[in-house]
Amino acid sequence: MQAVAIYQEALKLRPEYPEAHNNLGAVLRRLGRLDEAREHYRLALKYRPDYPQARRNLAVLAGSDVAATEN
């Protein structure tokens, strides 16, 4: 997917860019690549601990993990 490549390129240029990590995580989540999405949400929070959108996205992902184990 083109969005993945664009965010990966942005992160090559600026690895500590929290918004790019968060957005890449969102794209990866939609593609079902949940482990990779989780890692990028965590990196977004590492570089910007007060980033509410990344925190929410990580919580939503954790909620989907719980739902998947219950089924």
PDB file of N, CA and C in Angstrom:
ATOM      1  N   MET A   1       0.850  -1.185   0.000  1.00  0.00           N
ATOM      2  CA  MET A   1       0.000   0.000   0.000  1.00  0.00           C
ATOM      3  C   MET A   1       0.890   1.240   0.000  1.00  0.00           C
ATOM      4  N   GLN A   2       0.509   2.220  -0.764  1.00  0.00           N
ATOM      5  CA  GLN A   2       1.317   3.419  -0.936  1.00  0.00           C
ATOM      6  C   GLN A   2       1.488   4.207   0.367  1.00  0.00           C
ATOM      7  N   ALA A   3       0.460   4.261   1.196  1.00  0.00           N
ATOM      8  CA  ALA A   3       0.552   5.013   2.449  1.00  0.00           C
ATOM      9  C   ALA A   3       1.634   4.441   3.354  1.00  0.00           C
ATOM     10  N   VAL A   4       1.751   3.120   3.399  1.00  0.00           N
ATOM     11  CA  VAL A   4       2.786   2.490   4.227  1.00  0.00           C
ATOM     12  C   VAL A   4       4.155   2.957   3.761  1.00  0.00           C
ATOM     13  N   ALA A   5       4.393   2.927   2.468  1.00  0.00           N
ATOM     14  CA  ALA A   5       5.689   3.335   1.919  1.00  0.00           C
ATOM     15  C   ALA A   5       5.983   4.803   2.214  1.00  0.00           C
ATOM     16  N   ILE A   6       4.965   5.648   2.124  1.00  0.00           N
ATOM     17  CA  ILE A   6       5.167   7.082   2.378  1.00  0.00           C
ATOM     18  C   ILE A   6       5.549   7.321   3.838  1.00  0.00           C
ATOM     19  N   TYR A   7       4.830   6.688   4.760  1.00  0.00           N
ATOM     20  CA  TYR A   7       5.160   6.874   6.181  1.00  0.00           C
ATOM     21  C   TYR A   7       6.515   6.263   6.517  1.00  0.00           C
ATOM     22  N   GLN A   8       6.848   5.132   5.918  1.00  0.00           N
ATOM     23  CA  GLN A   8       8.158   4.528   6.162  1.00  0.00           C
ATOM     24  C   GLN A   8       9.267   5.450   5.676  1.00  0.00           C
ATOM     25  N   GLU A   9       9.061   6.071   4.531  1.00  0.00           N
ATOM     26  CA  GLU A   9      10.057   7.012   4.010  1.00  0.00           C
ATOM     27  C   GLU A   9      10.187   8.216   4.938  1.00  0.00           C
ATOM     28  N   ALA A  10       9.078   8.737   5.427  1.00  0.00           N
ATOM     29  CA  ALA A  10       9.127   9.861   6.371  1.00  0.00           C
ATOM     30  C   ALA A  10       9.912   9.479   7.618  1.00  0.00           C
ATOM     31  N   LEU A  11       9.731   8.250   8.078  1.00  0.00           N
ATOM     32  CA  LEU A  11      10.422   7.805   9.295  1.00  0.00           C
ATOM     33  C   LEU A  11      11.902   7.541   9.051  1.00  0.00           C
ATOM     34  N   LYS A  12      12.275   7.251   7.818  1.00  0.00           N
ATOM     35  CA  LYS A  12      13.709   7.139   7.499  1.00  0.00           C
ATOM     36  C   LYS A  12      14.366   8.513   7.634  1.00  0.00           C
ATOM     37  N   LEU A  13      13.642   9.535   7.217  1.00  0.00           N
ATOM     38  CA  LEU A  13      14.178  10.894   7.280  1.00  0.00           C
ATOM     39  C   LEU A  13      14.138  11.462   8.692  1.00  0.00           C
ATOM     40  N   ARG A  14      13.111  11.070   9.452  1.00  0.00           N
ATOM     41  CA  ARG A  14      12.932  11.593  10.809  1.00  0.00           C
ATOM     42  C   ARG A  14      12.360  10.487  11.703  1.00  0.00           C
ATOM     43  N   PRO A  15      13.218   9.605  12.215  1.00  0.00           N
ATOM     44  CA  PRO A  15      12.764   8.442  12.980  1.00  0.00           C
ATOM     45  C   PRO A  15      11.988   8.769  14.258  1.00  0.00           C
ATOM     46  N   GLU A  16      12.154   9.970  14.780  1.00  0.00           N
ATOM     47  CA  GLU A  16      11.490  10.338  16.032  1.00  0.00           C
ATOM     48  C   GLU A  16      10.234  11.175  15.781  1.00  0.00           C
ATOM     49  N   TYR A  17       9.573  10.965  14.666  1.00  0.00           N
ATOM     50  CA  TYR A  17       8.395  11.739  14.256  1.00  0.00           C
ATOM     51  C   TYR A  17       7.143  11.010  14.746  1.00  0.00           C
ATOM     52  N   PRO A  18       6.568  11.419  15.885  1.00  0.00           N
ATOM     53  CA  PRO A  18       5.467  10.665  16.484  1.00  0.00           C
ATOM     54  C   PRO A  18       4.217  10.587  15.621  1.00  0.00           C
ATOM     55  N   GLU A  19       3.914  11.655  14.902  1.00  0.00           N
ATOM     56  CA  GLU A  19       2.710  11.645  14.069  1.00  0.00           C
ATOM     57  C   GLU A  19       2.822  10.609  12.950  1.00  0.00           C
ATOM     58  N   ALA A  20       4.004  10.473  12.370  1.00  0.00           N
ATOM     59  CA  ALA A  20       4.207   9.470  11.321  1.00  0.00           C
ATOM     60  C   ALA A  20       4.086   8.061  11.896  1.00  0.00           C
ATOM     61  N   HIS A  21       4.615   7.848  13.106  1.00  0.00           N
ATOM     62  CA  HIS A  21       4.476   6.529  13.751  1.00  0.00           C
ATOM     63  C   HIS A  21       3.004   6.224  14.000  1.00  0.00           C
ATOM     64  N   ASN A  22       2.275   7.191  14.507  1.00  0.00           N
ATOM     65  CA  ASN A  22       0.859   6.989  14.795  1.00  0.00           C
ATOM     66  C   ASN A  22       0.067   6.710  13.517  1.00  0.00           C
ATOM     67  N   ASN A  23       0.307   7.502  12.503  1.00  0.00           N
ATOM     68  CA  ASN A  23      -0.426   7.320  11.250  1.00  0.00           C
ATOM     69  C   ASN A  23      -0.069   6.005  10.570  1.00  0.00           C
ATOM     70  N   LEU A  24       1.200   5.631  10.613  1.00  0.00           N
ATOM     71  CA  LEU A  24       1.597   4.340  10.056  1.00  0.00           C
ATOM     72  C   LEU A  24       0.932   3.222  10.849  1.00  0.00           C
ATOM     73  N   GLY A  25       0.866   3.368  12.153  1.00  0.00           N
ATOM     74  CA  GLY A  25       0.169   2.381  12.969  1.00  0.00           C
ATOM     75  C   GLY A  25      -1.288   2.229  12.560  1.00  0.00           C
ATOM     76  N   ALA A  26      -1.935   3.335  12.272  1.00  0.00           N
ATOM     77  CA  ALA A  26      -3.344   3.291  11.867  1.00  0.00           C
ATOM     78  C   ALA A  26      -3.516   2.556  10.537  1.00  0.00           C
ATOM     79  N   VAL A  27      -2.629   2.818   9.592  1.00  0.00           N
ATOM     80  CA  VAL A  27      -2.699   2.143   8.297  1.00  0.00           C
ATOM     81  C   VAL A  27      -2.440   0.644   8.475  1.00  0.00           C
ATOM     82  N   LEU A  28      -1.430   0.323   9.255  1.00  0.00           N
ATOM     83  CA  LEU A  28      -1.101  -1.091   9.479  1.00  0.00           C
ATOM     84  C   LEU A  28      -2.248  -1.824  10.172  1.00  0.00           C
ATOM     85  N   ARG A  29      -2.911  -1.146  11.100  1.00  0.00           N
ATOM     86  CA  ARG A  29      -4.055  -1.766  11.784  1.00  0.00           C
ATOM     87  C   ARG A  29      -5.154  -2.091  10.782  1.00  0.00           C
ATOM     88  N   ARG A  30      -5.442  -1.164   9.879  1.00  0.00           N
ATOM     89  CA  ARG A  30      -6.466  -1.408   8.859  1.00  0.00           C
ATOM     90  C   ARG A  30      -6.082  -2.562   7.938  1.00  0.00           C
ATOM     91  N   LEU A  31      -4.787  -2.781   7.771  1.00  0.00           N
ATOM     92  CA  LEU A  31      -4.317  -3.881   6.927  1.00  0.00           C
ATOM     93  C   LEU A  31      -4.244  -5.204   7.693  1.00  0.00           C
ATOM     94  N   GLY A  32      -4.565  -5.163   8.987  1.00  0.00           N
ATOM     95  CA  GLY A  32      -4.528  -6.370   9.802  1.00  0.00           C
ATOM     96  C   GLY A  32      -3.145  -6.715  10.326  1.00  0.00           C
ATOM     97  N   ARG A  33      -2.210  -5.815  10.197  1.00  0.00           N
ATOM     98  CA  ARG A  33      -0.833  -6.041  10.665  1.00  0.00           C
ATOM     99  C   ARG A  33      -0.718  -5.467  12.077  1.00  0.00           C
ATOM    100  N   LEU A  34      -1.368  -6.157  13.009  1.00  0.00           N
ATOM    101  CA  LEU A  34      -1.592  -5.610  14.349  1.00  0.00           C
ATOM    102  C   LEU A  34      -0.326  -5.486  15.179  1.00  0.00           C
ATOM    103  N   ASP A  35       0.574  -6.446  15.084  1.00  0.00           N
ATOM    104  CA  ASP A  35       1.814  -6.353  15.864  1.00  0.00           C
ATOM    105  C   ASP A  35       2.644  -5.144  15.430  1.00  0.00           C
ATOM    106  N   GLU A  36       2.712  -4.926  14.131  1.00  0.00           N
ATOM    107  CA  GLU A  36       3.447  -3.772  13.617  1.00  0.00           C
ATOM    108  C   GLU A  36       2.753  -2.473  14.016  1.00  0.00           C
ATOM    109  N   ALA A  37       1.433  -2.454  13.952  1.00  0.00           N
ATOM    110  CA  ALA A  37       0.677  -1.267  14.352  1.00  0.00           C
ATOM    111  C   ALA A  37       0.959  -0.931  15.813  1.00  0.00           C
ATOM    112  N   ARG A  38       0.913  -1.953  16.658  1.00  0.00           N
ATOM    113  CA  ARG A  38       1.159  -1.758  18.091  1.00  0.00           C
ATOM    114  C   ARG A  38       2.543  -1.133  18.324  1.00  0.00           C
ATOM    115  N   GLU A  39       3.526  -1.644  17.620  1.00  0.00           N
ATOM    116  CA  GLU A  39       4.882  -1.123  17.787  1.00  0.00           C
ATOM    117  C   GLU A  39       4.964   0.355  17.393  1.00  0.00           C
ATOM    118  N   HIS A  40       4.291   0.745  16.328  1.00  0.00           N
ATOM    119  CA  HIS A  40       4.351   2.151  15.905  1.00  0.00           C
ATOM    120  C   HIS A  40       3.562   3.056  16.852  1.00  0.00           C
ATOM    121  N   TYR A  41       2.461   2.580  17.404  1.00  0.00           N
ATOM    122  CA  TYR A  41       1.767   3.376  18.425  1.00  0.00           C
ATOM    123  C   TYR A  41       2.670   3.566  19.645  1.00  0.00           C
ATOM    124  N   ARG A  42       3.368   2.513  20.040  1.00  0.00           N
ATOM    125  CA  ARG A  42       4.278   2.621  21.192  1.00  0.00           C
ATOM    126  C   ARG A  42       5.416   3.590  20.914  1.00  0.00           C
ATOM    127  N   LEU A  43       5.937   3.545  19.681  1.00  0.00           N
ATOM    128  CA  LEU A  43       7.008   4.484  19.333  1.00  0.00           C
ATOM    129  C   LEU A  43       6.490   5.920  19.318  1.00  0.00           C
ATOM    130  N   ALA A  44       5.279   6.124  18.845  1.00  0.00           N
ATOM    131  CA  ALA A  44       4.699   7.467  18.872  1.00  0.00           C
ATOM    132  C   ALA A  44       4.650   7.978  20.308  1.00  0.00           C
ATOM    133  N   LEU A  45       4.266   7.109  21.235  1.00  0.00           N
ATOM    134  CA  LEU A  45       4.188   7.512  22.642  1.00  0.00           C
ATOM    135  C   LEU A  45       5.564   7.661  23.279  1.00  0.00           C
ATOM    136  N   LYS A  46       6.524   6.913  22.795  1.00  0.00           N
ATOM    137  CA  LYS A  46       7.897   7.068  23.295  1.00  0.00           C
ATOM    138  C   LYS A  46       8.412   8.470  22.972  1.00  0.00           C
ATOM    139  N   TYR A  47       8.156   8.917  21.752  1.00  0.00           N
ATOM    140  CA  TYR A  47       8.667  10.211  21.320  1.00  0.00           C
ATOM    141  C   TYR A  47       7.771  11.374  21.729  1.00  0.00           C
ATOM    142  N   ARG A  48       6.513  11.072  22.046  1.00  0.00           N
ATOM    143  CA  ARG A  48       5.590  12.114  22.527  1.00  0.00           C
ATOM    144  C   ARG A  48       4.620  11.476  23.523  1.00  0.00           C
ATOM    145  N   PRO A  49       5.054  11.351  24.775  1.00  0.00           N
ATOM    146  CA  PRO A  49       4.253  10.654  25.790  1.00  0.00           C
ATOM    147  C   PRO A  49       2.866  11.249  26.027  1.00  0.00           C
ATOM    148  N   ASP A  50       2.679  12.510  25.705  1.00  0.00           N
ATOM    149  CA  ASP A  50       1.385  13.166  25.924  1.00  0.00           C
ATOM    150  C   ASP A  50       0.523  13.173  24.659  1.00  0.00           C
ATOM    151  N   TYR A  51       0.719  12.210  23.778  1.00  0.00           N
ATOM    152  CA  TYR A  51       0.024  12.164  22.488  1.00  0.00           C
ATOM    153  C   TYR A  51      -1.281  11.389  22.653  1.00  0.00           C
ATOM    154  N   PRO A  52      -2.414  12.083  22.843  1.00  0.00           N
ATOM    155  CA  PRO A  52      -3.669  11.396  23.159  1.00  0.00           C
ATOM    156  C   PRO A  52      -4.176  10.485  22.037  1.00  0.00           C
ATOM    157  N   GLN A  53      -3.983  10.874  20.798  1.00  0.00           N
ATOM    158  CA  GLN A  53      -4.482  10.046  19.698  1.00  0.00           C
ATOM    159  C   GLN A  53      -3.740   8.709  19.637  1.00  0.00           C
ATOM    160  N   ALA A  54      -2.434   8.738  19.833  1.00  0.00           N
ATOM    161  CA  ALA A  54      -1.661   7.492  19.832  1.00  0.00           C
ATOM    162  C   ALA A  54      -2.072   6.616  21.023  1.00  0.00           C
ATOM    163  N   ARG A  55      -2.302   7.240  22.166  1.00  0.00           N
ATOM    164  CA  ARG A  55      -2.734   6.491  23.348  1.00  0.00           C
ATOM    165  C   ARG A  55      -4.095   5.836  23.100  1.00  0.00           C
ATOM    166  N   ARG A  56      -5.002   6.577  22.477  1.00  0.00           N
ATOM    167  CA  ARG A  56      -6.329   6.037  22.166  1.00  0.00           C
ATOM    168  C   ARG A  56      -6.227   4.903  21.147  1.00  0.00           C
ATOM    169  N   ASN A  57      -5.408   5.105  20.118  1.00  0.00           N
ATOM    170  CA  ASN A  57      -5.254   4.064  19.108  1.00  0.00           C
ATOM    171  C   ASN A  57      -4.684   2.784  19.708  1.00  0.00           C
ATOM    172  N   LEU A  58      -3.733   2.920  20.612  1.00  0.00           N
ATOM    173  CA  LEU A  58      -3.162   1.750  21.273  1.00  0.00           C
ATOM    174  C   LEU A  58      -4.217   1.063  22.137  1.00  0.00           C
ATOM    175  N   ALA A  59      -5.050   1.837  22.810  1.00  0.00           N
ATOM    176  CA  ALA A  59      -6.120   1.264  23.632  1.00  0.00           C
ATOM    177  C   ALA A  59      -7.152   0.540  22.773  1.00  0.00           C
ATOM    178  N   VAL A  60      -7.500   1.129  21.635  1.00  0.00           N
ATOM    179  CA  VAL A  60      -8.449   0.476  20.724  1.00  0.00           C
ATOM    180  C   VAL A  60      -7.869  -0.843  20.239  1.00  0.00           C
ATOM    181  N   LEU A  61      -6.595  -0.830  19.901  1.00  0.00           N
ATOM    182  CA  LEU A  61      -5.938  -2.056  19.454  1.00  0.00           C
ATOM    183  C   LEU A  61      -5.924  -3.093  20.568  1.00  0.00           C
ATOM    184  N   ALA A  62      -5.665  -2.684  21.778  1.00  0.00           N
ATOM    185  CA  ALA A  62      -5.680  -3.616  22.909  1.00  0.00           C
ATOM    186  C   ALA A  62      -7.082  -4.182  23.098  1.00  0.00           C
ATOM    187  N   GLY A  63      -8.097  -3.361  22.881  1.00  0.00           N
ATOM    188  CA  GLY A  63      -9.469  -3.827  22.975  1.00  0.00           C
ATOM    189  C   GLY A  63      -9.781  -4.867  21.911  1.00  0.00           C
ATOM    190  N   SER A  64      -9.236  -4.675  20.684  1.00  0.00           N
ATOM    191  CA  SER A  64      -9.477  -5.685  19.650  1.00  0.00           C
ATOM    192  C   SER A  64      -8.762  -6.976  19.979  1.00  0.00           C
ATOM    193  N   ASP A  65      -7.616  -6.884  20.644  1.00  0.00           N
ATOM    194  CA  ASP A  65      -6.908  -8.098  21.062  1.00  0.00           C
ATOM    195  C   ASP A  65      -7.739  -8.879  22.069  1.00  0.00           C
ATOM    196  N   VAL A  66      -8.371  -8.183  23.003  1.00  0.00           N
ATOM    197  CA  VAL A  66      -9.212  -8.840  24.000  1.00  0.00           C
ATOM    198  C   VAL A  66     -10.409  -9.481  23.329  1.00  0.00           C
ATOM    199  N   ALA A  67     -11.051  -8.770  22.416  1.00  0.00           N
ATOM    200  CA  ALA A  67     -12.217  -9.309  21.713  1.00  0.00           C
ATOM    201  C   ALA A  67     -11.843 -10.550  20.903  1.00  0.00           C
ATOM    202  N   ALA A  68     -10.679 -10.546  20.296  1.00  0.00           N
ATOM    203  CA  ALA A  68     -10.254 -11.695  19.483  1.00  0.00           C
ATOM    204  C   ALA A  68     -10.013 -12.924  20.344  1.00  0.00           C
ATOM    205  N   THR A  69      -9.514 -12.741  21.554  1.00  0.00           N
ATOM    206  CA  THR A  69      -9.261 -13.885  22.424  1.00  0.00           C
ATOM    207  C   THR A  69     -10.544 -14.424  23.028  1.00  0.00           C
ATOM    208  N   GLU A  70     -11.591 -13.589  23.088  1.00  0.00           N
ATOM    209  CA  GLU A  70     -12.860 -14.044  23.644  1.00  0.00           C
ATOM    210  C   GLU A  70     -13.664 -14.860  22.656  1.00  0.00           C
ATOM    211  N   ASN A  71     -13.389 -14.738  21.386  1.00  0.00           N
ATOM    212  CA  ASN A  71     -14.147 -15.473  20.354  1.00  0.00           C
ATOM    213  C   ASN A  71     -13.568 -16.829  20.101  1.00  0.00           C
TER     214      ASN A  71
END
